[in-house]
Amino acid sequence: MDCMSDNLHKKVRFRTLNVIDDYNREVLGIDIATNMPSSRGIRYLDQLDEWHSYPEKILFDNSSEFNSEVFINWAKSHDIMIGYIKPICP
């Protein structure tokens, strides 16, 4: 999982939550919003569970959306391990 951001031509910032299967690189879903708190990410992952089962492990960088206590507790309640990707030096 990863969050990205960009700006529209009128300086409106939006964020995307990209959910990708690390095994086959299939894009499982992309959620787009002007604000991406962890509660929205959790809601989106619950929606994706209707088509795909919950993963055994979620990998992401140290972005604030996924370091919240709410997200960590949600992952624990679904027996999902959390893994962090090593930061890459520019």
N, C-alpha and C. Protein backbone atom coordinates (compact mmCIF):
# COMPACT_ATOMS: atom_id res chain seq x y z
N MET A 1 0.84 -1.17 0.00
CA MET A 1 0.00 0.00 0.00
C MET A 1 0.88 1.22 0.00
N ASP A 2 0.36 2.25 -0.65
CA ASP A 2 1.10 3.49 -0.69
C ASP A 2 0.12 4.63 -0.92
N CYS A 3 0.42 5.76 -0.34
CA CYS A 3 -0.35 6.98 -0.60
C CYS A 3 0.51 7.91 -1.44
N MET A 4 -0.13 8.53 -2.40
CA MET A 4 0.55 9.51 -3.24
C MET A 4 -0.32 10.75 -3.29
N SER A 5 0.27 11.87 -3.68
CA SER A 5 -0.51 13.09 -3.79
C SER A 5 -0.12 13.86 -5.05
N ASP A 6 -1.04 14.70 -5.50
CA ASP A 6 -0.81 15.55 -6.66
C ASP A 6 -1.74 16.75 -6.53
N ASN A 7 -1.58 17.71 -7.42
CA ASN A 7 -2.42 18.90 -7.44
C ASN A 7 -3.17 18.99 -8.76
N LEU A 8 -4.41 19.45 -8.67
CA LEU A 8 -5.17 19.74 -9.87
C LEU A 8 -4.75 21.12 -10.37
N HIS A 9 -5.24 21.50 -11.53
CA HIS A 9 -4.83 22.78 -12.12
C HIS A 9 -5.25 23.98 -11.28
N LYS A 10 -6.23 23.84 -10.42
CA LYS A 10 -6.66 24.94 -9.55
C LYS A 10 -6.04 24.84 -8.16
N LYS A 11 -4.91 24.17 -8.06
CA LYS A 11 -4.15 24.03 -6.81
C LYS A 11 -4.88 23.21 -5.76
N VAL A 12 -5.86 22.42 -6.17
CA VAL A 12 -6.56 21.54 -5.24
C VAL A 12 -5.74 20.26 -5.13
N ARG A 13 -5.32 19.95 -3.91
CA ARG A 13 -4.50 18.77 -3.69
C ARG A 13 -5.40 17.54 -3.48
N PHE A 14 -5.00 16.43 -4.07
CA PHE A 14 -5.73 15.18 -3.83
C PHE A 14 -4.72 14.08 -3.53
N ARG A 15 -5.20 13.05 -2.85
CA ARG A 15 -4.35 11.92 -2.47
C ARG A 15 -4.96 10.64 -3.01
N THR A 16 -4.09 9.68 -3.28
CA THR A 16 -4.56 8.36 -3.72
C THR A 16 -4.00 7.30 -2.78
N LEU A 17 -4.82 6.33 -2.48
CA LEU A 17 -4.40 5.15 -1.73
C LEU A 17 -4.32 4.01 -2.75
N ASN A 18 -3.12 3.53 -3.00
CA ASN A 18 -2.89 2.48 -3.99
C ASN A 18 -2.68 1.15 -3.27
N VAL A 19 -3.51 0.17 -3.59
CA VAL A 19 -3.40 -1.16 -2.99
C VAL A 19 -2.97 -2.12 -4.09
N ILE A 20 -1.76 -2.68 -3.94
CA ILE A 20 -1.17 -3.53 -4.97
C ILE A 20 -0.77 -4.87 -4.37
N ASP A 21 -1.10 -5.96 -5.07
CA ASP A 21 -0.68 -7.29 -4.66
C ASP A 21 0.81 -7.41 -4.96
N ASP A 22 1.61 -7.61 -3.94
CA ASP A 22 3.07 -7.64 -4.10
C ASP A 22 3.54 -8.88 -4.85
N TYR A 23 2.73 -9.93 -4.87
CA TYR A 23 3.14 -11.17 -5.54
C TYR A 23 3.08 -11.03 -7.07
N ASN A 24 1.94 -10.58 -7.58
CA ASN A 24 1.79 -10.51 -9.04
C ASN A 24 1.65 -9.07 -9.56
N ARG A 25 1.81 -8.08 -8.68
CA ARG A 25 1.75 -6.66 -9.03
C ARG A 25 0.39 -6.22 -9.55
N GLU A 26 -0.66 -6.98 -9.23
CA GLU A 26 -2.01 -6.61 -9.63
C GLU A 26 -2.48 -5.45 -8.76
N VAL A 27 -3.07 -4.45 -9.40
CA VAL A 27 -3.65 -3.33 -8.66
C VAL A 27 -5.02 -3.79 -8.17
N LEU A 28 -5.16 -3.88 -6.85
CA LEU A 28 -6.41 -4.33 -6.26
C LEU A 28 -7.40 -3.19 -6.11
N GLY A 29 -6.88 -1.97 -6.00
CA GLY A 29 -7.76 -0.83 -5.88
C GLY A 29 -7.00 0.46 -5.70
N ILE A 30 -7.66 1.56 -6.09
CA ILE A 30 -7.12 2.90 -5.89
C ILE A 30 -8.26 3.75 -5.36
N ASP A 31 -8.05 4.36 -4.21
CA ASP A 31 -9.04 5.26 -3.63
C ASP A 31 -8.50 6.68 -3.77
N ILE A 32 -9.34 7.61 -4.20
CA ILE A 32 -8.92 8.99 -4.43
C ILE A 32 -9.77 9.91 -3.58
N ALA A 33 -9.11 10.85 -2.88
CA ALA A 33 -9.82 11.80 -2.03
C ALA A 33 -8.93 13.02 -1.78
N THR A 34 -9.53 14.10 -1.32
CA THR A 34 -8.73 15.27 -0.96
C THR A 34 -8.10 15.11 0.41
N ASN A 35 -8.60 14.17 1.19
CA ASN A 35 -8.06 13.91 2.52
C ASN A 35 -8.03 12.39 2.71
N MET A 36 -6.93 11.86 3.27
CA MET A 36 -6.81 10.41 3.39
C MET A 36 -6.40 10.03 4.82
N PRO A 37 -7.32 10.18 5.79
CA PRO A 37 -6.99 9.73 7.15
C PRO A 37 -7.01 8.21 7.22
N SER A 38 -6.45 7.67 8.27
CA SER A 38 -6.38 6.21 8.40
C SER A 38 -7.77 5.58 8.42
N SER A 39 -8.77 6.28 8.96
CA SER A 39 -10.12 5.72 9.00
C SER A 39 -10.67 5.50 7.59
N ARG A 40 -10.34 6.39 6.66
CA ARG A 40 -10.79 6.20 5.28
C ARG A 40 -10.07 5.02 4.64
N GLY A 41 -8.77 4.88 4.91
CA GLY A 41 -8.02 3.74 4.40
C GLY A 41 -8.57 2.42 4.91
N ILE A 42 -8.94 2.39 6.18
CA ILE A 42 -9.53 1.19 6.78
C ILE A 42 -10.85 0.86 6.10
N ARG A 43 -11.69 1.86 5.91
CA ARG A 43 -12.97 1.65 5.24
C ARG A 43 -12.77 1.09 3.84
N TYR A 44 -11.77 1.62 3.13
CA TYR A 44 -11.51 1.15 1.77
C TYR A 44 -11.00 -0.29 1.77
N LEU A 45 -10.14 -0.64 2.70
CA LEU A 45 -9.65 -2.02 2.79
C LEU A 45 -10.79 -2.98 3.14
N ASP A 46 -11.73 -2.53 3.97
CA ASP A 46 -12.89 -3.37 4.28
C ASP A 46 -13.75 -3.58 3.02
N GLN A 47 -13.86 -2.54 2.18
CA GLN A 47 -14.60 -2.69 0.92
C GLN A 47 -13.89 -3.67 -0.01
N LEU A 48 -12.57 -3.57 -0.08
CA LEU A 48 -11.81 -4.49 -0.95
C LEU A 48 -11.96 -5.94 -0.50
N ASP A 49 -12.21 -6.15 0.79
CA ASP A 49 -12.38 -7.51 1.30
C ASP A 49 -13.59 -8.20 0.68
N GLU A 50 -14.54 -7.42 0.16
CA GLU A 50 -15.70 -8.03 -0.50
C GLU A 50 -15.29 -8.75 -1.78
N TRP A 51 -14.22 -8.29 -2.44
CA TRP A 51 -13.75 -8.92 -3.69
C TRP A 51 -12.52 -9.80 -3.47
N HIS A 52 -11.69 -9.43 -2.52
CA HIS A 52 -10.45 -10.15 -2.22
C HIS A 52 -10.44 -10.40 -0.71
N SER A 53 -9.78 -11.42 -0.27
CA SER A 53 -9.69 -11.64 1.18
C SER A 53 -8.65 -10.69 1.77
N TYR A 54 -8.70 -10.53 3.09
CA TYR A 54 -7.70 -9.70 3.76
C TYR A 54 -6.32 -10.32 3.56
N PRO A 55 -5.30 -9.51 3.41
CA PRO A 55 -3.95 -10.06 3.23
C PRO A 55 -3.39 -10.59 4.54
N GLU A 56 -2.36 -11.42 4.43
CA GLU A 56 -1.66 -11.87 5.63
C GLU A 56 -0.74 -10.78 6.15
N LYS A 57 -0.23 -9.96 5.23
CA LYS A 57 0.72 -8.92 5.60
C LYS A 57 0.52 -7.70 4.72
N ILE A 58 0.66 -6.51 5.31
CA ILE A 58 0.59 -5.26 4.57
C ILE A 58 1.94 -4.58 4.68
N LEU A 59 2.51 -4.21 3.53
CA LEU A 59 3.78 -3.49 3.50
C LEU A 59 3.53 -2.04 3.10
N PHE A 60 4.19 -1.12 3.77
CA PHE A 60 4.10 0.29 3.40
C PHE A 60 5.26 1.04 4.00
N ASP A 61 5.42 2.29 3.55
CA ASP A 61 6.47 3.12 4.13
C ASP A 61 5.96 3.69 5.45
N ASN A 62 6.69 4.57 6.05
CA ASN A 62 6.32 5.10 7.36
C ASN A 62 5.38 6.30 7.28
N SER A 63 4.50 6.34 6.30
CA SER A 63 3.59 7.47 6.18
C SER A 63 2.61 7.49 7.35
N SER A 64 2.21 8.69 7.71
CA SER A 64 1.39 8.87 8.92
C SER A 64 0.03 8.19 8.83
N GLU A 65 -0.48 7.99 7.62
CA GLU A 65 -1.80 7.36 7.47
C GLU A 65 -1.85 5.97 8.08
N PHE A 66 -0.69 5.29 8.07
CA PHE A 66 -0.67 3.89 8.51
C PHE A 66 0.04 3.69 9.84
N ASN A 67 0.52 4.73 10.45
CA ASN A 67 1.18 4.61 11.75
C ASN A 67 0.24 4.93 12.90
N SER A 68 -1.02 5.16 12.61
CA SER A 68 -1.96 5.52 13.67
C SER A 68 -2.33 4.29 14.49
N GLU A 69 -2.69 4.54 15.72
CA GLU A 69 -3.12 3.45 16.62
C GLU A 69 -4.37 2.77 16.08
N VAL A 70 -5.25 3.56 15.47
CA VAL A 70 -6.49 3.02 14.91
C VAL A 70 -6.18 1.99 13.82
N PHE A 71 -5.26 2.32 12.92
CA PHE A 71 -4.91 1.39 11.84
C PHE A 71 -4.22 0.15 12.37
N ILE A 72 -3.30 0.32 13.29
CA ILE A 72 -2.57 -0.82 13.86
C ILE A 72 -3.52 -1.76 14.59
N ASN A 73 -4.46 -1.20 15.35
CA ASN A 73 -5.45 -2.03 16.05
C ASN A 73 -6.37 -2.75 15.05
N TRP A 74 -6.74 -2.07 13.97
CA TRP A 74 -7.57 -2.71 12.94
C TRP A 74 -6.83 -3.90 12.34
N ALA A 75 -5.55 -3.70 12.01
CA ALA A 75 -4.75 -4.78 11.42
C ALA A 75 -4.66 -5.97 12.39
N LYS A 76 -4.42 -5.69 13.66
CA LYS A 76 -4.34 -6.77 14.66
C LYS A 76 -5.66 -7.52 14.76
N SER A 77 -6.77 -6.79 14.70
CA SER A 77 -8.08 -7.44 14.83
C SER A 77 -8.39 -8.36 13.65
N HIS A 78 -7.71 -8.16 12.51
CA HIS A 78 -7.89 -9.00 11.33
C HIS A 78 -6.70 -9.94 11.11
N ASP A 79 -5.85 -10.07 12.13
CA ASP A 79 -4.66 -10.94 12.07
C ASP A 79 -3.77 -10.61 10.87
N ILE A 80 -3.58 -9.32 10.62
CA ILE A 80 -2.74 -8.86 9.52
C ILE A 80 -1.43 -8.35 10.10
N MET A 81 -0.32 -8.90 9.61
CA MET A 81 1.00 -8.41 10.03
C MET A 81 1.31 -7.12 9.28
N ILE A 82 2.03 -6.22 9.93
CA ILE A 82 2.41 -4.96 9.32
C ILE A 82 3.91 -4.97 9.09
N GLY A 83 4.31 -4.66 7.86
CA GLY A 83 5.73 -4.58 7.51
C GLY A 83 6.03 -3.21 6.93
N TYR A 84 7.23 -2.73 7.19
CA TYR A 84 7.63 -1.42 6.70
C TYR A 84 8.70 -1.57 5.63
N ILE A 85 8.56 -0.82 4.56
CA ILE A 85 9.54 -0.82 3.48
C ILE A 85 10.70 0.07 3.89
N LYS A 86 11.91 -0.39 3.62
CA LYS A 86 13.09 0.41 3.92
C LYS A 86 13.10 1.66 3.06
N PRO A 87 13.36 2.82 3.68
CA PRO A 87 13.44 4.04 2.88
C PRO A 87 14.62 3.97 1.90
N ILE A 88 14.41 4.48 0.72
CA ILE A 88 15.46 4.50 -0.30
C ILE A 88 16.11 5.88 -0.31
N CYS A 89 17.41 5.91 -0.25
CA CYS A 89 18.13 7.19 -0.29
C CYS A 89 18.13 7.72 -1.72
N PRO A 90 17.89 9.03 -1.86
CA PRO A 90 17.89 9.60 -3.22
C PRO A 90 19.27 9.60 -3.84
